[in-house]
């Protein structure tokens, strides 16, 4: 296994442990949840194989489901976001294109590009997750409020991670 592959495996477990040991118990105002594990999925290299991305999304989501007792909700939402990721990346491609072996990050593309990349994907993940959890649209406004607040919370924590570890050692 290459050095990059080993780093990806280690970072998988780092994000997983932060999610299930620390962030599982942090909820702001009973509506804002932080699902930092999706940041691991967003930081995978741009030219990754779509099937491998969906497999990584499934593995991360399924593992989180085991600890959250959520019956596949996180796995489904993660696979869905990994399916959308390459389409979204191709629609926001910078003028010169992407460099080889680049990971989507603030260091590589800047804050504005990173927010344009991250916010819609986090919103899609949270929308799928919370609306399936709610069992439909019966509590539409409350669920939408949970999606919006959780998107803001997750995005802020993801930005903090980007600034704390700019070299990419833990991604």
N, C-alpha and C. Protein backbone atom coordinates (compact mmCIF):
# COMPACT_ATOMS: atom_id res chain seq x y z
N UNK A 1 0.85 -1.17 0.00
CA UNK A 1 0.00 0.00 0.00
C UNK A 1 0.90 1.23 0.00
N UNK A 2 0.52 2.20 -0.78
CA UNK A 2 1.33 3.42 -0.88
C UNK A 2 1.20 4.28 0.37
N UNK A 3 2.07 5.25 0.47
CA UNK A 3 2.06 6.16 1.61
C UNK A 3 0.74 6.93 1.68
N UNK A 4 0.24 7.36 0.53
CA UNK A 4 -1.04 8.09 0.50
C UNK A 4 -2.18 7.20 0.96
N UNK A 5 -2.16 5.93 0.56
CA UNK A 5 -3.20 5.00 0.99
C UNK A 5 -3.18 4.77 2.49
N UNK A 6 -1.99 4.67 3.05
CA UNK A 6 -1.87 4.49 4.51
C UNK A 6 -2.40 5.72 5.24
N UNK A 7 -2.06 6.89 4.73
CA UNK A 7 -2.55 8.13 5.34
C UNK A 7 -4.07 8.20 5.26
N UNK A 8 -4.65 7.78 4.14
CA UNK A 8 -6.11 7.79 4.00
C UNK A 8 -6.77 6.84 5.00
N UNK A 9 -6.19 5.67 5.21
CA UNK A 9 -6.75 4.71 6.17
C UNK A 9 -6.66 5.27 7.59
N UNK A 10 -5.52 5.85 7.93
CA UNK A 10 -5.35 6.43 9.27
C UNK A 10 -6.33 7.58 9.48
N UNK A 11 -6.47 8.44 8.47
CA UNK A 11 -7.40 9.57 8.62
C UNK A 11 -8.84 9.09 8.69
N UNK A 12 -9.18 7.99 8.02
CA UNK A 12 -10.51 7.40 8.13
C UNK A 12 -10.83 7.12 9.59
N UNK A 13 -9.90 6.47 10.28
CA UNK A 13 -10.14 6.13 11.68
C UNK A 13 -10.10 7.35 12.59
N UNK A 14 -9.29 8.34 12.27
CA UNK A 14 -9.26 9.57 13.08
C UNK A 14 -10.61 10.28 13.00
N UNK A 15 -11.13 10.47 11.78
CA UNK A 15 -12.44 11.12 11.64
C UNK A 15 -13.54 10.29 12.28
N UNK A 16 -13.48 8.99 12.12
CA UNK A 16 -14.48 8.11 12.71
C UNK A 16 -14.47 8.21 14.23
N UNK A 17 -13.28 8.16 14.83
CA UNK A 17 -13.20 8.23 16.29
C UNK A 17 -13.66 9.58 16.82
N UNK A 18 -13.30 10.68 16.15
CA UNK A 18 -13.80 11.99 16.57
C UNK A 18 -15.32 12.03 16.52
N UNK A 19 -15.88 11.45 15.45
CA UNK A 19 -17.34 11.49 15.30
C UNK A 19 -18.03 10.70 16.39
N UNK A 20 -17.62 9.45 16.61
CA UNK A 20 -18.38 8.60 17.52
C UNK A 20 -18.02 8.79 18.99
N UNK A 21 -16.83 9.31 19.28
CA UNK A 21 -16.46 9.49 20.68
C UNK A 21 -16.71 10.89 21.21
N UNK A 22 -16.60 11.90 20.36
CA UNK A 22 -16.72 13.28 20.83
C UNK A 22 -17.97 13.95 20.27
N UNK A 23 -18.09 13.97 18.95
CA UNK A 23 -19.15 14.77 18.32
C UNK A 23 -20.54 14.14 18.45
N UNK A 24 -20.61 12.87 18.76
CA UNK A 24 -21.92 12.23 18.94
C UNK A 24 -22.69 12.88 20.07
N UNK A 25 -21.99 13.38 21.06
CA UNK A 25 -22.63 13.96 22.24
C UNK A 25 -22.76 15.47 22.19
N UNK A 26 -22.37 16.09 21.10
CA UNK A 26 -22.45 17.55 20.99
C UNK A 26 -23.61 17.93 20.08
N UNK A 27 -24.60 18.57 20.66
CA UNK A 27 -25.76 19.06 19.91
C UNK A 27 -26.04 20.47 20.39
N UNK A 28 -26.12 21.41 19.46
CA UNK A 28 -26.40 22.79 19.83
C UNK A 28 -27.89 23.07 19.72
N UNK A 29 -28.48 23.54 20.79
CA UNK A 29 -29.88 23.98 20.84
C UNK A 29 -30.85 22.89 20.39
N UNK A 30 -30.52 21.64 20.60
CA UNK A 30 -31.35 20.50 20.22
C UNK A 30 -31.67 20.43 18.73
N UNK A 31 -30.95 21.17 17.90
CA UNK A 31 -31.20 21.11 16.46
C UNK A 31 -29.94 20.98 15.62
N UNK A 32 -28.82 21.47 16.07
CA UNK A 32 -27.60 21.49 15.25
C UNK A 32 -26.68 20.34 15.64
N UNK A 33 -26.49 19.42 14.71
CA UNK A 33 -25.62 18.27 14.91
C UNK A 33 -24.39 18.46 14.03
N UNK A 34 -23.25 17.96 14.49
CA UNK A 34 -22.03 18.04 13.69
C UNK A 34 -21.66 16.65 13.21
N UNK A 35 -21.66 16.47 11.91
CA UNK A 35 -21.25 15.20 11.30
C UNK A 35 -19.95 15.45 10.55
N UNK A 36 -18.87 15.54 11.31
CA UNK A 36 -17.56 15.84 10.74
C UNK A 36 -17.03 14.71 9.85
N UNK A 37 -17.56 13.52 10.01
CA UNK A 37 -17.06 12.40 9.21
C UNK A 37 -17.23 12.65 7.72
N UNK A 38 -18.18 13.49 7.32
CA UNK A 38 -18.33 13.78 5.88
C UNK A 38 -17.14 14.58 5.36
N UNK A 39 -16.43 15.28 6.23
CA UNK A 39 -15.24 16.01 5.80
C UNK A 39 -14.19 15.05 5.28
N UNK A 40 -14.06 13.89 5.89
CA UNK A 40 -13.13 12.89 5.37
C UNK A 40 -13.48 12.56 3.93
N UNK A 41 -14.74 12.38 3.66
CA UNK A 41 -15.17 12.04 2.30
C UNK A 41 -14.92 13.18 1.33
N UNK A 42 -15.09 14.42 1.80
CA UNK A 42 -14.87 15.57 0.93
C UNK A 42 -13.39 15.80 0.63
N UNK A 43 -12.51 15.34 1.52
CA UNK A 43 -11.07 15.57 1.35
C UNK A 43 -10.39 14.47 0.54
N UNK A 44 -11.13 13.52 0.02
CA UNK A 44 -10.52 12.50 -0.84
C UNK A 44 -10.08 13.14 -2.14
N UNK A 45 -9.04 12.61 -2.79
CA UNK A 45 -8.51 13.24 -4.01
C UNK A 45 -9.57 13.44 -5.10
N UNK A 46 -9.39 14.49 -5.88
CA UNK A 46 -10.37 14.88 -6.89
C UNK A 46 -10.56 13.78 -7.94
N UNK A 47 -9.49 13.16 -8.38
CA UNK A 47 -9.60 12.19 -9.47
C UNK A 47 -9.87 10.77 -9.00
N UNK A 48 -10.40 10.61 -7.81
CA UNK A 48 -10.73 9.28 -7.29
C UNK A 48 -11.83 8.63 -8.13
N UNK A 49 -11.76 7.32 -8.20
CA UNK A 49 -12.75 6.52 -8.92
C UNK A 49 -14.12 6.68 -8.24
N UNK A 50 -15.19 6.98 -8.99
CA UNK A 50 -16.51 7.16 -8.36
C UNK A 50 -16.99 5.95 -7.57
N UNK A 51 -16.69 4.75 -8.05
CA UNK A 51 -17.11 3.56 -7.29
C UNK A 51 -16.35 3.45 -5.98
N UNK A 52 -15.08 3.80 -5.99
CA UNK A 52 -14.29 3.77 -4.76
C UNK A 52 -14.78 4.85 -3.79
N UNK A 53 -15.20 6.00 -4.33
CA UNK A 53 -15.76 7.05 -3.48
C UNK A 53 -17.03 6.57 -2.80
N UNK A 54 -17.91 5.94 -3.57
CA UNK A 54 -19.16 5.44 -2.99
C UNK A 54 -18.89 4.32 -1.99
N UNK A 55 -17.88 3.49 -2.25
CA UNK A 55 -17.51 2.45 -1.29
C UNK A 55 -16.98 3.08 0.00
N UNK A 56 -16.13 4.10 -0.14
CA UNK A 56 -15.62 4.80 1.05
C UNK A 56 -16.77 5.45 1.81
N UNK A 57 -17.72 6.05 1.09
CA UNK A 57 -18.89 6.64 1.73
C UNK A 57 -19.71 5.61 2.46
N UNK A 58 -19.89 4.45 1.83
CA UNK A 58 -20.65 3.38 2.48
C UNK A 58 -19.94 2.89 3.74
N UNK A 59 -18.64 2.65 3.64
CA UNK A 59 -17.90 2.16 4.80
C UNK A 59 -17.93 3.14 5.96
N UNK A 60 -17.71 4.42 5.65
CA UNK A 60 -17.75 5.43 6.72
C UNK A 60 -19.16 5.54 7.29
N UNK A 61 -20.15 5.65 6.43
CA UNK A 61 -21.53 5.79 6.89
C UNK A 61 -22.01 4.58 7.67
N UNK A 62 -21.68 3.39 7.18
CA UNK A 62 -22.11 2.17 7.86
C UNK A 62 -21.46 2.05 9.23
N UNK A 63 -20.19 2.43 9.32
CA UNK A 63 -19.50 2.38 10.61
C UNK A 63 -20.12 3.37 11.59
N UNK A 64 -20.45 4.55 11.11
CA UNK A 64 -21.13 5.53 11.97
C UNK A 64 -22.50 5.01 12.37
N UNK A 65 -23.21 4.36 11.44
CA UNK A 65 -24.51 3.77 11.75
C UNK A 65 -24.42 2.74 12.87
N UNK A 66 -23.35 1.99 12.90
CA UNK A 66 -23.18 0.98 13.95
C UNK A 66 -23.14 1.65 15.33
N UNK A 67 -22.42 2.76 15.42
CA UNK A 67 -22.30 3.44 16.71
C UNK A 67 -23.51 4.29 17.05
N UNK A 68 -24.23 4.77 16.04
CA UNK A 68 -25.40 5.61 16.27
C UNK A 68 -26.70 4.81 16.32
N UNK A 69 -26.67 3.52 16.00
CA UNK A 69 -27.87 2.67 15.91
C UNK A 69 -28.91 3.29 14.99
N UNK A 70 -28.47 3.70 13.80
CA UNK A 70 -29.37 4.43 12.91
C UNK A 70 -29.79 3.67 11.66
N UNK A 71 -29.55 2.37 11.62
CA UNK A 71 -30.11 1.49 10.60
C UNK A 71 -29.83 1.91 9.15
N UNK A 72 -28.64 2.36 8.85
CA UNK A 72 -28.26 2.65 7.48
C UNK A 72 -28.51 4.07 7.00
N UNK A 73 -28.98 4.96 7.85
CA UNK A 73 -29.25 6.33 7.42
C UNK A 73 -27.97 7.04 6.99
N UNK A 74 -26.92 6.93 7.78
CA UNK A 74 -25.66 7.59 7.46
C UNK A 74 -25.01 6.96 6.24
N UNK A 75 -25.13 5.65 6.09
CA UNK A 75 -24.57 4.97 4.92
C UNK A 75 -25.26 5.46 3.66
N UNK A 76 -26.58 5.54 3.67
CA UNK A 76 -27.30 6.00 2.49
C UNK A 76 -26.95 7.44 2.16
N UNK A 77 -26.95 8.31 3.16
CA UNK A 77 -26.65 9.72 2.91
C UNK A 77 -25.22 9.90 2.42
N UNK A 78 -24.28 9.13 2.94
CA UNK A 78 -22.88 9.25 2.52
C UNK A 78 -22.69 8.75 1.09
N UNK A 79 -23.31 7.65 0.75
CA UNK A 79 -23.20 7.14 -0.62
C UNK A 79 -23.84 8.12 -1.59
N UNK A 80 -24.97 8.69 -1.22
CA UNK A 80 -25.63 9.68 -2.07
C UNK A 80 -24.73 10.89 -2.32
N UNK A 81 -24.09 11.39 -1.28
CA UNK A 81 -23.22 12.56 -1.43
C UNK A 81 -21.98 12.20 -2.25
N UNK A 82 -21.46 11.01 -2.08
CA UNK A 82 -20.29 10.61 -2.88
C UNK A 82 -20.68 10.43 -4.35
N UNK A 83 -21.92 10.06 -4.61
CA UNK A 83 -22.41 10.00 -5.98
C UNK A 83 -22.47 11.40 -6.59
N UNK A 84 -22.94 12.37 -5.81
CA UNK A 84 -23.06 13.75 -6.30
C UNK A 84 -21.72 14.47 -6.40
N UNK A 85 -20.74 14.06 -5.62
CA UNK A 85 -19.48 14.79 -5.48
C UNK A 85 -18.77 15.04 -6.81
N UNK A 86 -18.59 14.03 -7.64
CA UNK A 86 -17.87 14.23 -8.90
C UNK A 86 -18.64 15.14 -9.85
N UNK A 87 -19.96 15.04 -9.87
CA UNK A 87 -20.75 15.95 -10.71
C UNK A 87 -20.59 17.39 -10.22
N UNK A 88 -20.61 17.56 -8.90
CA UNK A 88 -20.46 18.90 -8.35
C UNK A 88 -19.05 19.44 -8.61
N UNK A 89 -18.04 18.60 -8.44
CA UNK A 89 -16.67 19.02 -8.71
C UNK A 89 -16.49 19.43 -10.18
N UNK A 90 -17.11 18.70 -11.08
CA UNK A 90 -16.97 19.05 -12.49
C UNK A 90 -17.69 20.34 -12.82
N UNK A 91 -18.75 20.66 -12.10
CA UNK A 91 -19.47 21.90 -12.38
C UNK A 91 -18.80 23.13 -11.77
N UNK A 92 -17.92 22.95 -10.80
CA UNK A 92 -17.22 24.10 -10.20
C UNK A 92 -15.72 24.05 -10.48
N UNK A 93 -15.34 23.42 -11.57
CA UNK A 93 -13.93 23.30 -11.92
C UNK A 93 -13.31 24.68 -12.12
N UNK A 94 -12.15 24.93 -11.51
CA UNK A 94 -11.47 26.21 -11.73
C UNK A 94 -11.04 26.34 -13.20
N UNK A 95 -10.71 27.54 -13.60
CA UNK A 95 -10.42 27.82 -15.00
C UNK A 95 -9.29 26.94 -15.55
N UNK A 96 -8.26 26.71 -14.79
CA UNK A 96 -7.14 25.89 -15.26
C UNK A 96 -7.34 24.41 -15.02
N UNK A 97 -8.45 24.01 -14.46
CA UNK A 97 -8.69 22.62 -14.11
C UNK A 97 -8.04 22.27 -12.78
N UNK A 98 -8.13 21.02 -12.43
CA UNK A 98 -7.56 20.55 -11.18
C UNK A 98 -6.18 19.96 -11.43
N UNK A 99 -5.26 20.17 -10.50
CA UNK A 99 -3.95 19.55 -10.57
C UNK A 99 -4.08 18.07 -10.27
N UNK A 100 -3.08 17.29 -10.67
CA UNK A 100 -3.12 15.86 -10.37
C UNK A 100 -2.81 15.65 -8.88
N UNK A 101 -3.45 14.64 -8.33
CA UNK A 101 -3.28 14.26 -6.92
C UNK A 101 -3.62 15.39 -5.95
N UNK A 102 -4.54 16.26 -6.31
CA UNK A 102 -4.93 17.35 -5.42
C UNK A 102 -6.17 16.92 -4.63
N UNK A 103 -6.22 17.35 -3.38
CA UNK A 103 -7.41 17.12 -2.57
C UNK A 103 -8.14 18.45 -2.44
N UNK A 104 -9.45 18.43 -2.44
CA UNK A 104 -10.20 19.67 -2.26
C UNK A 104 -9.90 20.26 -0.88
N UNK A 105 -9.30 21.43 -0.86
CA UNK A 105 -8.95 22.04 0.42
C UNK A 105 -8.84 23.55 0.26
N UNK A 106 -8.81 24.23 1.38
CA UNK A 106 -8.63 25.68 1.37
C UNK A 106 -7.23 26.01 0.87
N UNK A 107 -6.24 25.23 1.27
CA UNK A 107 -4.86 25.50 0.85
C UNK A 107 -4.70 25.40 -0.66
N UNK A 108 -5.42 24.48 -1.28
CA UNK A 108 -5.26 24.27 -2.72
C UNK A 108 -6.11 25.22 -3.57
N UNK A 109 -7.29 25.62 -3.08
CA UNK A 109 -8.22 26.36 -3.92
C UNK A 109 -8.75 27.65 -3.32
N UNK A 110 -8.52 27.91 -2.07
CA UNK A 110 -9.02 29.12 -1.43
C UNK A 110 -10.32 28.90 -0.69
N UNK A 111 -10.64 29.85 0.17
CA UNK A 111 -11.82 29.74 1.04
C UNK A 111 -13.11 29.79 0.24
N UNK A 112 -13.21 30.72 -0.71
CA UNK A 112 -14.46 30.87 -1.46
C UNK A 112 -14.78 29.59 -2.23
N UNK A 113 -13.81 29.04 -2.95
CA UNK A 113 -14.05 27.81 -3.69
C UNK A 113 -14.42 26.68 -2.73
N UNK A 114 -13.72 26.61 -1.60
CA UNK A 114 -13.97 25.54 -0.65
C UNK A 114 -15.39 25.61 -0.09
N UNK A 115 -15.87 26.81 0.20
CA UNK A 115 -17.24 26.96 0.70
C UNK A 115 -18.26 26.60 -0.36
N UNK A 116 -18.00 27.01 -1.60
CA UNK A 116 -18.91 26.66 -2.71
C UNK A 116 -18.93 25.15 -2.91
N UNK A 117 -17.82 24.50 -2.69
CA UNK A 117 -17.73 23.05 -2.81
C UNK A 117 -18.41 22.34 -1.64
N UNK A 118 -18.18 22.83 -0.43
CA UNK A 118 -18.60 22.11 0.77
C UNK A 118 -20.07 22.30 1.14
N UNK A 119 -20.53 23.53 1.15
CA UNK A 119 -21.87 23.81 1.68
C UNK A 119 -22.98 23.04 0.96
N UNK A 120 -23.03 23.01 -0.37
CA UNK A 120 -24.12 22.24 -1.00
C UNK A 120 -24.04 20.74 -0.72
N UNK A 121 -22.83 20.19 -0.64
CA UNK A 121 -22.70 18.77 -0.36
C UNK A 121 -23.10 18.44 1.08
N UNK A 122 -22.70 19.29 2.00
CA UNK A 122 -23.10 19.08 3.40
C UNK A 122 -24.61 19.22 3.53
N UNK A 123 -25.18 20.22 2.86
CA UNK A 123 -26.63 20.41 2.89
C UNK A 123 -27.35 19.19 2.32
N UNK A 124 -26.87 18.65 1.21
CA UNK A 124 -27.49 17.48 0.60
C UNK A 124 -27.40 16.27 1.54
N UNK A 125 -26.24 16.09 2.15
CA UNK A 125 -26.07 14.98 3.09
C UNK A 125 -27.05 15.10 4.25
N UNK A 126 -27.10 16.28 4.84
CA UNK A 126 -27.97 16.48 6.00
C UNK A 126 -29.45 16.41 5.62
N UNK A 127 -29.80 16.92 4.46
CA UNK A 127 -31.21 16.86 4.02
C UNK A 127 -31.66 15.42 3.86
N UNK A 128 -30.86 14.61 3.19
CA UNK A 128 -31.21 13.20 3.02
C UNK A 128 -31.28 12.52 4.39
N UNK A 129 -30.29 12.76 5.21
CA UNK A 129 -30.22 12.10 6.51
C UNK A 129 -31.43 12.46 7.39
N UNK A 130 -31.71 13.75 7.53
CA UNK A 130 -32.77 14.16 8.46
C UNK A 130 -34.17 13.91 7.92
N UNK A 131 -34.38 14.03 6.62
CA UNK A 131 -35.72 13.77 6.09
C UNK A 131 -36.05 12.28 6.10
N UNK A 132 -35.05 11.42 5.87
CA UNK A 132 -35.31 9.99 6.00
C UNK A 132 -35.54 9.64 7.47
N UNK A 133 -34.75 10.26 8.35
CA UNK A 133 -34.93 10.02 9.78
C UNK A 133 -36.32 10.44 10.25
N UNK A 134 -36.82 11.56 9.71
CA UNK A 134 -38.14 12.05 10.08
C UNK A 134 -39.26 11.19 9.50
N UNK A 135 -38.95 10.38 8.51
CA UNK A 135 -39.95 9.50 7.93
C UNK A 135 -40.86 10.18 6.95
N UNK A 136 -40.44 11.30 6.39
CA UNK A 136 -41.25 12.00 5.41
C UNK A 136 -41.21 13.50 5.66
N UNK A 137 -42.22 14.15 5.15
CA UNK A 137 -42.26 15.60 5.22
C UNK A 137 -43.30 16.12 6.21
N UNK A 138 -43.72 15.29 7.15
CA UNK A 138 -44.72 15.69 8.13
C UNK A 138 -44.26 16.83 9.03
N UNK A 139 -42.99 16.84 9.36
CA UNK A 139 -42.43 17.91 10.18
C UNK A 139 -41.44 18.70 9.33
N UNK A 140 -41.88 19.15 8.18
CA UNK A 140 -41.01 19.74 7.17
C UNK A 140 -40.19 20.91 7.72
N UNK A 141 -40.83 21.88 8.37
CA UNK A 141 -40.11 23.09 8.78
C UNK A 141 -39.11 22.82 9.89
N UNK A 142 -39.49 21.98 10.84
CA UNK A 142 -38.54 21.63 11.89
C UNK A 142 -37.35 20.85 11.33
N UNK A 143 -37.62 19.92 10.42
CA UNK A 143 -36.55 19.14 9.81
C UNK A 143 -35.66 20.02 8.95
N UNK A 144 -36.25 20.94 8.21
CA UNK A 144 -35.46 21.87 7.40
C UNK A 144 -34.58 22.75 8.30
N UNK A 145 -35.11 23.16 9.44
CA UNK A 145 -34.32 23.95 10.38
C UNK A 145 -33.14 23.13 10.91
N UNK A 146 -33.37 21.84 11.21
CA UNK A 146 -32.27 20.96 11.64
C UNK A 146 -31.22 20.84 10.54
N UNK A 147 -31.66 20.72 9.29
CA UNK A 147 -30.72 20.61 8.17
C UNK A 147 -29.87 21.87 8.06
N UNK A 148 -30.51 23.04 8.13
CA UNK A 148 -29.79 24.30 7.98
C UNK A 148 -28.80 24.53 9.12
N UNK A 149 -29.25 24.34 10.35
CA UNK A 149 -28.36 24.57 11.50
C UNK A 149 -27.22 23.55 11.54
N UNK A 150 -27.52 22.32 11.21
CA UNK A 150 -26.48 21.29 11.19
C UNK A 150 -25.49 21.53 10.06
N UNK A 151 -25.97 22.04 8.93
CA UNK A 151 -25.07 22.38 7.82
C UNK A 151 -24.11 23.48 8.24
N UNK A 152 -24.61 24.49 8.91
CA UNK A 152 -23.76 25.59 9.38
C UNK A 152 -22.74 25.06 10.39
N UNK A 153 -23.20 24.27 11.35
CA UNK A 153 -22.32 23.73 12.39
C UNK A 153 -21.23 22.84 11.78
N UNK A 154 -21.61 21.92 10.91
CA UNK A 154 -20.65 21.02 10.28
C UNK A 154 -19.66 21.79 9.41
N UNK A 155 -20.13 22.78 8.68
CA UNK A 155 -19.24 23.57 7.82
C UNK A 155 -18.23 24.36 8.65
N UNK A 156 -18.67 24.94 9.75
CA UNK A 156 -17.75 25.69 10.61
C UNK A 156 -16.68 24.77 11.20
N UNK A 157 -17.07 23.60 11.66
CA UNK A 157 -16.10 22.65 12.22
C UNK A 157 -15.15 22.16 11.12
N UNK A 158 -15.66 21.96 9.92
CA UNK A 158 -14.80 21.56 8.80
C UNK A 158 -13.79 22.65 8.47
N UNK A 159 -14.22 23.91 8.50
CA UNK A 159 -13.28 25.02 8.28
C UNK A 159 -12.21 25.06 9.37
N UNK A 160 -12.61 24.83 10.60
CA UNK A 160 -11.64 24.81 11.69
C UNK A 160 -10.62 23.70 11.47
N UNK A 161 -11.07 22.53 11.05
CA UNK A 161 -10.16 21.43 10.77
C UNK A 161 -9.20 21.81 9.65
N UNK A 162 -9.71 22.48 8.62
CA UNK A 162 -8.87 22.91 7.50
C UNK A 162 -7.78 23.88 7.97
N UNK A 163 -8.13 24.77 8.86
CA UNK A 163 -7.14 25.73 9.34
C UNK A 163 -6.19 25.14 10.38
N UNK A 164 -6.65 24.16 11.16
CA UNK A 164 -5.77 23.53 12.14
C UNK A 164 -4.75 22.60 11.49
N UNK A 165 -5.15 21.94 10.41
CA UNK A 165 -4.28 20.97 9.75
C UNK A 165 -4.12 21.32 8.27
N UNK A 166 -3.49 22.43 7.95
CA UNK A 166 -3.41 22.87 6.55
C UNK A 166 -2.50 22.01 5.68
N UNK A 167 -1.61 21.26 6.26
CA UNK A 167 -0.67 20.50 5.45
C UNK A 167 -1.28 19.24 4.84
N UNK A 168 -2.46 18.85 5.33
CA UNK A 168 -3.09 17.66 4.80
C UNK A 168 -2.61 16.38 5.46
N UNK A 169 -1.92 16.48 6.57
CA UNK A 169 -1.39 15.28 7.22
C UNK A 169 -2.50 14.34 7.69
N UNK A 170 -3.64 14.87 8.08
CA UNK A 170 -4.70 14.04 8.64
C UNK A 170 -5.86 13.85 7.70
N UNK A 171 -5.68 14.07 6.44
CA UNK A 171 -6.76 13.89 5.48
C UNK A 171 -6.45 12.75 4.56
